Amino acid sequence: MNFVDEKPGNPPYTRGVYPEMYKKRLWTMRQYAGYATATESNARYRLMLEQGQTGISVAFDLPTQIGYDSDDPMAGGEVGKVGVAIDSLEDMEQLFDHIPLDKVSTSMTINATAPILLAMYVALARKHNISPSELRGTVQNDILKEYIARGTYIYPPQPSMRLIVDLMRYCHAEVPLWNTISISGYHIREAGSTAVQEIAYTLADGIAYVKAAVEAGLDIDDFGPRLSFFFNSHLNLFEEVAKFRAARRLWCKIMRDKLGAINPKSWMLRFHTQTAGSSLTAQQPEVNIVRTTLEALAAVLGGTQSLHTNSYDEALGLPTEHTARIALRTQQVIGFESGVADEPDPLFGSVYIEQLTDKLETEAMDEINRIEEMGGAVKAVELNYFQNAIARSAYQYQKQIDAQERVVVGVNKFALEDEEKTEIMKISLEAENDQVKKLKTLRLQRDNIAVKESLTRLKIAAGESTSHLMEPILSAVEAYCTIGEISNALREVWGEYGKRL
């Protein structure tokens, strides 16, 4: 076992990235939220901040995620359903109305269109005379896991990787406190992977991003300290704690020993955690409060930097204000009442935890080496290696549930014949109609000559492999080009993944 002299805050950071961990400051309580229109989501953010939430985490609807405007035929029926609809800078202005961008940390779960949404956030700050250098937060910006597990990609892998590197370059120069990518294992686990696969595939993606940035001329120690990660916290309490410890140790060794980073801050694996949505059940939904509590506890014992706790009704629909408040209170009870935050890595020295940490590290490193031997994460995506491996794991997991080898309370054991109906939140069609009307008004009122000119400049830059793209995207955003118009300009040059030009 590897735990003899290591202290929290010291490489390889098995015990945590900071010496005092939560004794000085609790993790960021960042509840993921967004629905319907920007105005309605803004009201939810302000309510949760008043209730003690310490960071904003924005959920975007599917059209926003894959670069379609709300009035596009492809968006019909999906506007505002799984997140907030953002079509233009005007929507971003309403989304953050009366929220001080220089004082709050904002996470945006967005990938294919991440450069556009970050540009909107920067443009909004400029309108309020806030320097981009004061902005703090994260864009997920992890396109590889979209090909692997989730599906909200637009462009082929190579131009998508170019956008990611350009965003890293821009933020290093202009938005230095921003986390430029949140390399995500969360969706990999939600798709059905094991804990080992979650570690291995996430870190393999991280290696691919680092190598792409270095090949583009960036210094690893310029962008390395701003890399962040996003993990799932599932139901096996001790396995999850060991998973977080093993991932930190592995990333330190990879960055330091394999990729050549010199700055110790580049070796740190800082991460956000979300409790496992796939563990929630529609049956007896109140039991999900217990599941989420155990998962949140694992994240805290494992040393997370920020945390989202799922609401108990999320297997049925978007969380209501009531259930979102209970989810936040779950974090607050763990942080302020349980005592688990009083000591960094409180399970340190447990023979079981240390052996499990070693085992997960070894098995994950073996899998990472296998991926690197086949040419790295991008090649593994193209070969469908990740997708097939996760599908096999998900199948085995479901077989265990079907055979009652794995108990799911309220589903395959302790079920109720008659359950009380849970009130769920529903997004009305009126929200979509309002969004479409607002978008049409914007198109009539903006300077459409400036719109056309900025989109032309963007297409020219996209066609030149050496041009940087964040500045022309920002110019287009400030001209009130829509997310669909900007995405379509890039589609014209690069095509869509799986489709021919």
Protein backbone atom coordinates (compact mmCIF):
# COMPACT_ATOMS: atom_id res chain seq x y z
CA MET A 1 0.00 0.00 0.00
CA ASN A 2 1.15 3.55 -0.87
CA PHE A 3 0.00 5.61 2.11
CA VAL A 4 2.97 5.67 4.51
CA ASP A 5 4.17 9.30 4.56
CA GLU A 6 1.78 11.12 2.25
CA LYS A 7 -0.09 14.15 3.61
CA PRO A 8 -3.07 16.01 2.14
CA GLY A 9 -1.96 18.68 -0.31
CA ASN A 10 1.25 16.86 -1.24
CA PRO A 11 1.87 14.98 -4.52
CA PRO A 12 0.55 12.59 -5.70
CA TYR A 13 -2.51 14.09 -3.95
CA THR A 14 -4.15 10.77 -3.01
CA ARG A 15 -5.41 12.38 0.18
CA GLY A 16 -6.63 15.60 -1.43
CA VAL A 17 -5.30 18.56 -3.37
CA TYR A 18 -5.25 20.99 -0.42
CA PRO A 19 -3.62 20.50 3.02
CA GLU A 20 -6.67 21.47 5.07
CA MET A 21 -9.38 20.48 2.57
CA TYR A 22 -12.77 21.47 4.08
CA LYS A 23 -11.46 22.68 7.44
CA LYS A 24 -10.83 26.08 5.86
CA ARG A 25 -13.72 26.17 3.35
CA LEU A 26 -16.39 23.67 2.36
CA TRP A 27 -16.74 22.44 -1.20
CA THR A 28 -18.75 24.62 -3.61
CA MET A 29 -22.42 23.68 -3.40
CA ARG A 30 -23.36 24.02 -7.04
CA GLN A 31 -26.88 22.81 -7.89
CA TYR A 32 -27.37 22.07 -11.61
CA ALA A 33 -30.46 23.89 -12.87
CA GLY A 34 -32.06 25.42 -15.91
CA TYR A 35 -35.39 25.09 -17.69
CA ALA A 36 -37.83 26.89 -19.99
CA THR A 37 -36.73 30.48 -20.62
CA ALA A 38 -33.82 32.54 -19.36
CA THR A 39 -36.15 34.61 -17.18
CA GLU A 40 -37.60 31.55 -15.41
CA SER A 41 -34.16 29.99 -14.87
CA ASN A 42 -32.82 33.28 -13.51
CA ALA A 43 -35.54 33.22 -10.85
CA ARG A 44 -34.48 29.68 -9.81
CA TYR A 45 -30.78 30.66 -9.61
CA ARG A 46 -31.52 33.66 -7.45
CA LEU A 47 -33.74 31.59 -5.16
CA MET A 48 -31.07 28.90 -4.68
CA LEU A 49 -28.36 31.51 -4.03
CA GLU A 50 -30.61 32.96 -1.33
CA GLN A 51 -30.97 29.45 0.13
CA GLY A 52 -27.20 29.07 0.54
CA GLN A 53 -26.04 27.67 -2.80
CA THR A 54 -22.49 28.92 -3.43
CA GLY A 55 -22.17 28.53 -7.21
CA ILE A 56 -24.35 28.41 -10.32
CA SER A 57 -24.46 25.39 -12.62
CA VAL A 58 -26.34 25.97 -15.88
CA ALA A 59 -28.27 23.23 -17.67
CA PHE A 60 -28.98 24.02 -21.33
CA ASP A 61 -31.73 22.53 -23.46
CA LEU A 62 -30.89 20.11 -26.26
CA PRO A 63 -31.20 22.62 -29.14
CA THR A 64 -28.67 24.88 -27.40
CA GLN A 65 -26.35 21.93 -26.80
CA ILE A 66 -26.26 20.92 -30.45
CA GLY A 67 -26.38 24.34 -32.08
CA TYR A 68 -29.97 24.84 -33.18
CA ASP A 69 -32.06 27.96 -32.66
CA SER A 70 -35.39 27.61 -30.87
CA ASP A 71 -37.31 28.23 -34.10
CA ASP A 72 -35.41 25.59 -36.05
CA PRO A 73 -37.61 22.62 -37.09
CA MET A 74 -35.03 20.34 -35.41
CA ALA A 75 -35.77 22.03 -32.08
CA GLY A 76 -39.53 21.47 -32.09
CA GLY A 77 -40.80 20.06 -28.80
CA GLU A 78 -37.39 20.28 -27.09
CA VAL A 79 -37.12 24.00 -26.34
CA GLY A 80 -36.55 24.56 -22.63
CA LYS A 81 -37.30 20.94 -21.73
CA VAL A 82 -34.06 19.56 -20.23
CA GLY A 83 -32.45 22.94 -19.63
CA VAL A 84 -32.71 26.61 -20.44
CA ALA A 85 -33.04 27.81 -24.04
CA ILE A 86 -30.23 30.20 -25.03
CA ASP A 87 -30.36 31.55 -28.56
CA SER A 88 -28.37 34.78 -28.31
CA LEU A 89 -26.57 37.24 -26.07
CA GLU A 90 -29.99 38.69 -25.25
CA ASP A 91 -30.94 35.43 -23.51
CA MET A 92 -27.65 35.41 -21.58
CA GLU A 93 -28.39 38.95 -20.39
CA GLN A 94 -31.70 37.76 -18.96
CA LEU A 95 -30.25 34.52 -17.55
CA PHE A 96 -27.80 36.42 -15.32
CA ASP A 97 -29.92 39.46 -14.55
CA HIS A 98 -29.03 40.81 -11.07
CA ILE A 99 -26.38 38.10 -10.59
CA PRO A 100 -22.88 39.58 -10.04
CA LEU A 101 -20.59 37.81 -12.50
CA ASP A 102 -17.47 39.03 -10.71
CA LYS A 103 -18.62 37.48 -7.40
CA VAL A 104 -20.24 34.17 -8.34
CA SER A 105 -18.65 31.09 -9.90
CA THR A 106 -20.57 29.73 -12.89
CA SER A 107 -20.37 26.24 -14.36
CA MET A 108 -21.87 25.67 -17.79
CA THR A 109 -22.57 22.10 -18.86
CA ILE A 110 -22.01 22.64 -22.56
CA ASN A 111 -19.71 20.91 -25.04
CA ALA A 112 -20.11 21.22 -28.81
CA THR A 113 -21.19 24.86 -28.48
CA ALA A 114 -18.99 25.67 -25.46
CA PRO A 115 -16.95 28.40 -27.24
CA ILE A 116 -20.18 30.21 -28.17
CA LEU A 117 -21.63 30.10 -24.65
CA LEU A 118 -18.34 31.21 -23.09
CA ALA A 119 -18.18 34.05 -25.61
CA MET A 120 -21.69 35.10 -24.54
CA TYR A 121 -20.61 35.07 -20.89
CA VAL A 122 -17.53 37.18 -21.67
CA ALA A 123 -19.58 39.58 -23.80
CA LEU A 124 -22.08 39.96 -20.96
CA ALA A 125 -19.29 40.75 -18.50
CA ARG A 126 -17.92 43.40 -20.86
CA LYS A 127 -21.36 45.02 -21.09
CA HIS A 128 -21.30 45.33 -17.30
CA ASN A 129 -17.74 46.73 -17.31
CA ILE A 130 -16.40 43.56 -15.67
CA SER A 131 -13.02 42.43 -16.91
CA PRO A 132 -12.95 38.85 -18.24
CA SER A 133 -9.91 38.38 -15.98
CA GLU A 134 -12.29 38.53 -12.97
CA LEU A 135 -14.59 35.76 -14.19
CA ARG A 136 -14.53 32.39 -12.40
CA GLY A 137 -16.16 29.20 -13.49
CA THR A 138 -16.03 26.24 -15.86
CA VAL A 139 -17.24 25.17 -19.27
CA GLN A 140 -17.50 21.42 -19.66
CA ASN A 141 -16.08 21.61 -23.20
CA ASP A 142 -15.39 17.83 -23.28
CA ILE A 143 -16.32 16.63 -26.74
CA LEU A 144 -14.68 13.19 -26.59
CA LYS A 145 -17.09 11.91 -23.97
CA GLU A 146 -19.93 13.08 -26.23
CA TYR A 147 -18.76 10.65 -28.91
CA ILE A 148 -18.21 8.01 -26.21
CA ALA A 149 -21.34 8.19 -24.10
CA ARG A 150 -23.73 11.06 -24.63
CA GLY A 151 -24.20 12.13 -28.25
CA THR A 152 -24.46 15.95 -28.28
CA TYR A 153 -21.61 16.44 -30.74
CA ILE A 154 -21.85 18.43 -33.98
CA TYR A 155 -18.58 18.40 -35.90
CA PRO A 156 -16.03 15.64 -36.63
CA PRO A 157 -13.42 14.96 -33.91
CA GLN A 158 -10.52 16.93 -35.41
CA PRO A 159 -12.22 20.35 -35.81
CA SER A 160 -13.93 19.75 -32.46
CA MET A 161 -10.53 19.29 -30.83
CA ARG A 162 -9.39 22.50 -32.55
CA LEU A 163 -12.24 24.43 -30.89
CA ILE A 164 -11.26 23.04 -27.49
CA VAL A 165 -7.62 24.03 -27.89
CA ASP A 166 -8.59 27.50 -29.14
CA LEU A 167 -10.76 28.00 -26.06
CA MET A 168 -7.84 26.96 -23.82
CA ARG A 169 -5.53 29.40 -25.59
CA TYR A 170 -8.02 32.27 -25.34
CA CYS A 171 -8.74 31.73 -21.65
CA HIS A 172 -5.06 31.56 -20.74
CA ALA A 173 -4.63 35.03 -22.25
CA GLU A 174 -7.97 36.67 -21.38
CA VAL A 175 -9.87 34.67 -18.72
CA PRO A 176 -7.09 33.21 -16.54
CA LEU A 177 -9.30 32.16 -13.60
CA TRP A 178 -11.59 30.11 -15.83
CA ASN A 179 -11.45 26.31 -15.91
CA THR A 180 -11.27 25.72 -19.65
CA ILE A 181 -12.48 22.13 -19.64
CA SER A 182 -14.22 19.76 -17.28
CA ILE A 183 -13.07 16.34 -18.41
CA SER A 184 -16.11 14.25 -17.67
CA GLY A 185 -16.44 10.70 -16.43
CA TYR A 186 -19.95 11.42 -15.19
CA HIS A 187 -21.73 10.58 -18.44
CA ILE A 188 -19.44 7.61 -19.04
CA ARG A 189 -20.65 6.14 -15.74
CA GLU A 190 -24.27 7.08 -16.46
CA ALA A 191 -24.01 5.16 -19.74
CA GLY A 192 -23.18 2.02 -17.77
CA SER A 193 -19.42 1.88 -17.25
CA THR A 194 -17.70 0.41 -14.21
CA ALA A 195 -15.74 2.54 -11.74
CA VAL A 196 -12.46 1.41 -13.36
CA GLN A 197 -13.70 2.35 -16.82
CA GLU A 198 -14.89 5.73 -15.52
CA ILE A 199 -11.39 6.53 -14.23
CA ALA A 200 -9.56 5.13 -17.24
CA TYR A 201 -11.67 6.63 -20.01
CA THR A 202 -11.83 10.03 -18.32
CA LEU A 203 -8.08 10.24 -17.84
CA ALA A 204 -7.45 8.89 -21.36
CA ASP A 205 -9.57 11.76 -22.69
CA GLY A 206 -7.54 14.13 -20.51
CA ILE A 207 -4.30 12.84 -22.02
CA ALA A 208 -5.71 13.44 -25.51
CA TYR A 209 -6.63 17.06 -24.70
CA VAL A 210 -3.22 17.77 -23.18
CA LYS A 211 -1.39 16.29 -26.17
CA ALA A 212 -3.57 18.24 -28.63
CA ALA A 213 -2.90 21.51 -26.80
CA VAL A 214 0.86 20.88 -26.66
CA GLU A 215 0.92 19.99 -30.39
CA ALA A 216 -0.83 23.31 -31.07
CA GLY A 217 2.00 25.16 -29.34
CA LEU A 218 0.61 25.69 -25.83
CA ASP A 219 2.83 25.17 -22.81
CA ILE A 220 1.50 22.39 -20.60
CA ASP A 221 2.10 24.45 -17.45
CA ASP A 222 0.19 27.40 -18.91
CA PHE A 223 -3.07 25.48 -19.25
CA GLY A 224 -2.49 22.47 -16.95
CA PRO A 225 -3.53 24.22 -13.71
CA ARG A 226 -6.92 25.17 -15.22
CA LEU A 227 -7.90 21.63 -16.24
CA SER A 228 -10.72 20.25 -14.13
CA PHE A 229 -12.65 16.99 -13.99
CA PHE A 230 -16.23 15.87 -13.43
CA PHE A 231 -17.02 12.53 -11.84
CA ASN A 232 -20.06 10.48 -10.94
CA SER A 233 -20.65 9.38 -7.36
CA HIS A 234 -22.44 6.05 -7.39
CA LEU A 235 -23.88 3.87 -4.66
CA ASN A 236 -20.94 1.69 -3.57
CA LEU A 237 -19.69 4.07 -0.87
CA PHE A 238 -16.18 2.71 -0.33
CA GLU A 239 -15.50 1.98 -3.99
CA GLU A 240 -16.43 5.56 -4.86
CA VAL A 241 -14.16 7.04 -2.16
CA ALA A 242 -11.29 4.87 -3.39
CA LYS A 243 -12.09 5.83 -7.01
CA PHE A 244 -11.58 9.53 -6.32
CA ARG A 245 -8.32 8.87 -4.43
CA ALA A 246 -6.99 6.61 -7.21
CA ALA A 247 -7.91 9.10 -9.95
CA ARG A 248 -6.00 11.92 -8.20
CA ARG A 249 -2.91 9.78 -7.78
CA LEU A 250 -3.01 8.56 -11.36
CA TRP A 251 -3.42 12.03 -12.88
CA CYS A 252 -0.49 13.37 -10.90
CA LYS A 253 1.74 10.57 -12.17
CA ILE A 254 0.51 10.98 -15.76
CA MET A 255 1.03 14.76 -15.87
CA ARG A 256 4.35 14.70 -14.02
CA ASP A 257 6.00 11.51 -15.24
CA LYS A 258 4.49 10.90 -18.70
CA LEU A 259 3.50 14.31 -20.05
CA GLY A 260 6.29 16.40 -18.52
CA ALA A 261 4.43 19.05 -16.51
CA ILE A 262 6.72 20.83 -14.04
CA ASN A 263 4.29 22.99 -12.05
CA PRO A 264 2.77 20.98 -9.15
CA LYS A 265 -0.55 22.74 -9.79
CA SER A 266 -0.61 21.04 -13.20
CA TRP A 267 -0.44 17.68 -11.42
CA MET A 268 -3.57 18.31 -9.36
CA LEU A 269 -6.83 16.62 -10.29
CA ARG A 270 -9.52 19.04 -9.13
CA PHE A 271 -13.02 17.81 -9.71
CA HIS A 272 -16.75 18.45 -9.48
CA THR A 273 -19.05 15.60 -8.54
CA GLN A 274 -22.69 14.88 -9.27
CA THR A 275 -24.61 12.11 -7.58
CA ALA A 276 -25.70 9.28 -9.86
CA GLY A 277 -28.83 10.09 -11.85
CA SER A 278 -28.91 6.52 -13.13
CA SER A 279 -29.31 5.23 -9.57
CA LEU A 280 -32.59 7.12 -9.06
CA THR A 281 -35.85 5.23 -9.35
CA ALA A 282 -39.33 6.32 -10.40
CA GLN A 283 -40.69 3.82 -7.88
CA GLN A 284 -40.87 5.09 -4.28
CA PRO A 285 -38.97 8.25 -5.30
CA GLU A 286 -38.50 9.50 -1.70
CA VAL A 287 -36.02 6.62 -1.23
CA ASN A 288 -33.79 8.52 -3.69
CA ILE A 289 -33.03 10.98 -0.87
CA VAL A 290 -31.17 8.16 0.91
CA ARG A 291 -29.34 7.15 -2.25
CA THR A 292 -28.29 10.72 -2.96
CA THR A 293 -27.12 11.23 0.63
CA LEU A 294 -24.83 8.18 0.46
CA GLU A 295 -23.46 9.28 -2.90
CA ALA A 296 -22.85 12.84 -1.68
CA LEU A 297 -21.12 11.47 1.41
CA ALA A 298 -18.80 9.40 -0.81
CA ALA A 299 -17.91 12.50 -2.83
CA VAL A 300 -17.06 14.46 0.31
CA LEU A 301 -15.07 11.63 1.88
CA GLY A 302 -13.27 11.33 -1.48
CA GLY A 303 -12.29 15.00 -1.54
CA THR A 304 -14.44 16.70 -4.19
CA GLN A 305 -14.06 20.45 -4.87
CA SER A 306 -17.72 21.03 -5.75
CA LEU A 307 -20.88 18.97 -5.62
CA HIS A 308 -24.35 18.71 -7.12
CA THR A 309 -26.91 16.55 -5.34
CA ASN A 310 -29.76 15.21 -7.46
CA SER A 311 -33.33 15.89 -6.42
CA TYR A 312 -35.43 12.86 -5.52
CA ASP A 313 -37.97 13.44 -8.30
CA GLU A 314 -35.47 13.53 -11.18
CA ALA A 315 -36.38 10.03 -12.39
CA LEU A 316 -39.80 11.55 -13.15
CA GLY A 317 -39.06 15.08 -14.35
CA LEU A 318 -37.18 18.30 -13.69
CA PRO A 319 -36.85 19.10 -9.97
CA THR A 320 -39.40 21.34 -8.32
CA GLU A 321 -38.34 24.14 -5.98
CA HIS A 322 -39.23 21.90 -3.03
CA THR A 323 -37.14 18.93 -4.13
CA ALA A 324 -34.22 21.13 -5.23
CA ARG A 325 -34.18 22.67 -1.76
CA ILE A 326 -34.05 19.22 -0.11
CA ALA A 327 -31.13 18.28 -2.38
CA LEU A 328 -29.24 21.41 -1.33
CA ARG A 329 -30.08 20.81 2.35
CA THR A 330 -28.57 17.33 2.00
CA GLN A 331 -25.21 18.89 1.20
CA GLN A 332 -25.58 21.43 3.99
CA VAL A 333 -26.30 18.76 6.61
CA ILE A 334 -23.24 16.77 5.50
CA GLY A 335 -21.09 19.90 5.53
CA PHE A 336 -22.26 21.58 8.71
CA GLU A 337 -23.65 18.81 10.92
CA SER A 338 -22.03 15.45 10.18
CA GLY A 339 -18.43 16.19 11.16
CA VAL A 340 -16.99 14.43 8.10
CA ALA A 341 -15.50 17.71 6.87
CA ASP A 342 -13.42 18.20 10.02
CA GLU A 343 -10.50 16.07 8.84
CA PRO A 344 -8.92 15.75 5.37
CA ASP A 345 -9.29 12.23 3.96
CA PRO A 346 -10.79 10.80 7.17
CA LEU A 347 -10.70 7.20 5.83
CA PHE A 348 -6.92 7.37 5.37
CA GLY A 349 -5.19 4.31 6.78
CA SER A 350 -8.15 1.97 6.48
CA VAL A 351 -6.67 -1.25 5.12
CA TYR A 352 -9.75 -1.80 2.97
CA ILE A 353 -9.75 1.73 1.50
CA GLU A 354 -6.02 1.74 0.81
CA GLN A 355 -6.09 -1.68 -0.86
CA LEU A 356 -9.15 -0.70 -2.91
CA THR A 357 -7.43 2.55 -3.97
CA ASP A 358 -4.37 0.59 -5.14
CA LYS A 359 -6.52 -1.95 -6.99
CA LEU A 360 -8.52 0.69 -8.87
CA GLU A 361 -5.36 2.60 -9.75
CA THR A 362 -3.66 -0.49 -11.17
CA GLU A 363 -6.66 -1.65 -13.18
CA ALA A 364 -7.37 1.83 -14.54
CA MET A 365 -3.72 2.33 -15.56
CA ASP A 366 -3.77 -1.00 -17.41
CA GLU A 367 -6.82 0.20 -19.36
CA ILE A 368 -5.24 3.61 -20.09
CA ASN A 369 -2.15 1.85 -21.47
CA ARG A 370 -4.38 -0.28 -23.68
CA ILE A 371 -6.02 2.88 -25.09
CA GLU A 372 -2.67 4.58 -25.67
CA GLU A 373 -1.39 1.49 -27.52
CA MET A 374 -4.28 1.72 -29.98
CA GLY A 375 -3.41 5.39 -30.70
CA GLY A 376 -5.10 7.33 -27.89
CA ALA A 377 -8.63 8.41 -27.07
CA VAL A 378 -9.52 9.97 -30.44
CA LYS A 379 -8.54 6.77 -32.24
CA ALA A 380 -10.42 4.68 -29.66
CA VAL A 381 -13.54 6.77 -30.35
CA GLU A 382 -13.18 6.19 -34.09
CA LEU A 383 -12.83 2.43 -33.47
CA ASN A 384 -15.92 2.41 -31.19
CA TYR A 385 -13.77 0.85 -28.46
CA PHE A 386 -15.22 2.89 -25.61
CA GLN A 387 -18.80 2.58 -26.78
CA ASN A 388 -18.64 -1.22 -27.09
CA ALA A 389 -16.92 -1.71 -23.73
CA ILE A 390 -19.47 0.46 -21.91
CA ALA A 391 -22.35 -1.34 -23.60
CA ARG A 392 -21.02 -4.68 -22.35
CA SER A 393 -20.68 -3.35 -18.79
CA ALA A 394 -24.19 -1.86 -18.86
CA TYR A 395 -25.60 -5.16 -20.10
CA GLN A 396 -23.94 -7.11 -17.30
CA TYR A 397 -25.22 -4.62 -14.70
CA GLN A 398 -28.81 -4.91 -15.98
CA LYS A 399 -28.59 -8.71 -16.06
CA GLN A 400 -27.67 -8.67 -12.36
CA ILE A 401 -30.71 -6.51 -11.57
CA ASP A 402 -33.02 -8.72 -13.64
CA ALA A 403 -31.72 -11.83 -11.84
CA GLN A 404 -32.01 -10.08 -8.44
CA GLU A 405 -28.29 -10.60 -7.88
CA ARG A 406 -28.19 -6.82 -7.39
CA VAL A 407 -31.00 -5.41 -5.26
CA VAL A 408 -32.68 -2.13 -6.20
CA VAL A 409 -35.00 -1.21 -3.36
CA GLY A 410 -38.54 -0.59 -4.56
CA VAL A 411 -37.83 -2.06 -8.01
CA ASN A 412 -36.83 -5.72 -7.80
CA LYS A 413 -37.33 -6.01 -4.02
CA PHE A 414 -39.56 -4.28 -1.45
CA ALA A 415 -41.86 -2.99 -4.19
CA LEU A 416 -45.27 -1.46 -3.46
CA GLU A 417 -48.36 -2.35 -5.43
CA ASP A 418 -50.02 1.02 -4.99
CA GLU A 419 -47.87 4.13 -4.79
CA GLU A 420 -48.88 7.71 -4.24
CA LYS A 421 -48.35 9.87 -7.29
CA THR A 422 -45.53 12.38 -7.05
CA GLU A 423 -46.23 15.87 -8.33
CA ILE A 424 -43.79 16.62 -11.11
CA MET A 425 -42.71 19.79 -12.83
CA LYS A 426 -43.84 20.25 -16.42
CA ILE A 427 -42.63 22.77 -18.99
CA SER A 428 -45.50 24.26 -20.94
CA LEU A 429 -45.54 24.71 -24.69
CA GLU A 430 -46.07 28.40 -23.98
CA ALA A 431 -42.41 28.68 -22.95
CA GLU A 432 -41.33 27.48 -26.40
CA ASN A 433 -43.75 29.86 -28.12
CA ASP A 434 -42.46 32.81 -26.07
CA GLN A 435 -38.86 31.92 -26.90
CA VAL A 436 -39.59 31.72 -30.63
CA LYS A 437 -41.40 35.08 -30.61
CA LYS A 438 -38.51 36.73 -28.78
CA LEU A 439 -36.04 35.31 -31.30
CA LYS A 440 -38.01 36.63 -34.26
CA THR A 441 -38.12 40.10 -32.68
CA LEU A 442 -34.35 40.01 -32.15
CA ARG A 443 -33.73 39.21 -35.82
CA LEU A 444 -35.79 42.24 -36.84
CA GLN A 445 -34.15 44.68 -34.43
CA ARG A 446 -30.43 43.82 -34.66
CA ASP A 447 -27.93 45.11 -37.23
CA ASN A 448 -28.19 42.34 -39.81
CA ILE A 449 -25.36 43.74 -41.94
CA ALA A 450 -23.02 43.32 -38.95
CA VAL A 451 -24.43 39.82 -38.45
CA LYS A 452 -23.65 38.82 -42.04
CA GLU A 453 -20.15 40.30 -41.93
CA SER A 454 -19.23 38.59 -38.64
CA LEU A 455 -20.46 35.19 -39.86
CA THR A 456 -18.44 35.59 -43.07
CA ARG A 457 -15.29 36.34 -41.04
CA LEU A 458 -15.94 33.27 -38.89
CA LYS A 459 -16.28 30.98 -41.91
CA ILE A 460 -13.04 32.31 -43.38
CA ALA A 461 -11.21 31.71 -40.08
CA ALA A 462 -12.66 28.20 -39.78
CA GLY A 463 -11.37 27.37 -43.23
CA GLU A 464 -7.84 28.46 -42.34
CA SER A 465 -6.29 25.78 -40.14
CA THR A 466 -3.94 28.23 -38.39
CA SER A 467 -6.57 30.85 -37.48
CA HIS A 468 -7.82 31.19 -33.92
CA LEU A 469 -11.59 31.04 -33.58
CA MET A 470 -12.57 32.53 -30.21
CA GLU A 471 -12.22 36.16 -31.31
CA PRO A 472 -14.40 35.80 -34.43
CA ILE A 473 -16.94 33.83 -32.38
CA LEU A 474 -16.95 36.60 -29.76
CA SER A 475 -17.45 39.22 -32.48
CA ALA A 476 -20.39 37.27 -33.85
CA VAL A 477 -21.93 36.96 -30.39
CA GLU A 478 -21.57 40.70 -29.77
CA ALA A 479 -23.35 41.33 -33.09
CA TYR A 480 -26.25 39.25 -31.66
CA CYS A 481 -25.74 36.37 -34.04
CA THR A 482 -27.65 33.35 -32.77
CA ILE A 483 -26.20 30.07 -31.62
CA GLY A 484 -27.75 28.38 -34.66
CA GLU A 485 -26.28 30.91 -37.09
CA ILE A 486 -22.79 30.55 -35.61
CA SER A 487 -23.01 26.75 -35.50
CA ASN A 488 -24.30 26.61 -39.07
CA ALA A 489 -21.43 28.79 -40.27
CA LEU A 490 -19.03 26.18 -38.87
CA ARG A 491 -21.16 23.32 -40.24
CA GLU A 492 -20.75 24.81 -43.73
CA VAL A 493 -16.98 24.52 -43.39
CA TRP A 494 -16.53 21.33 -41.35
CA GLY A 495 -19.71 19.35 -41.89
CA GLU A 496 -21.33 17.21 -39.19
CA TYR A 497 -19.92 14.04 -37.67
CA GLY A 498 -21.36 11.08 -39.49
CA LYS A 499 -22.57 13.17 -42.43
CA ARG A 500 -20.85 14.10 -45.68
CA LEU A 501 -20.40 17.72 -46.72
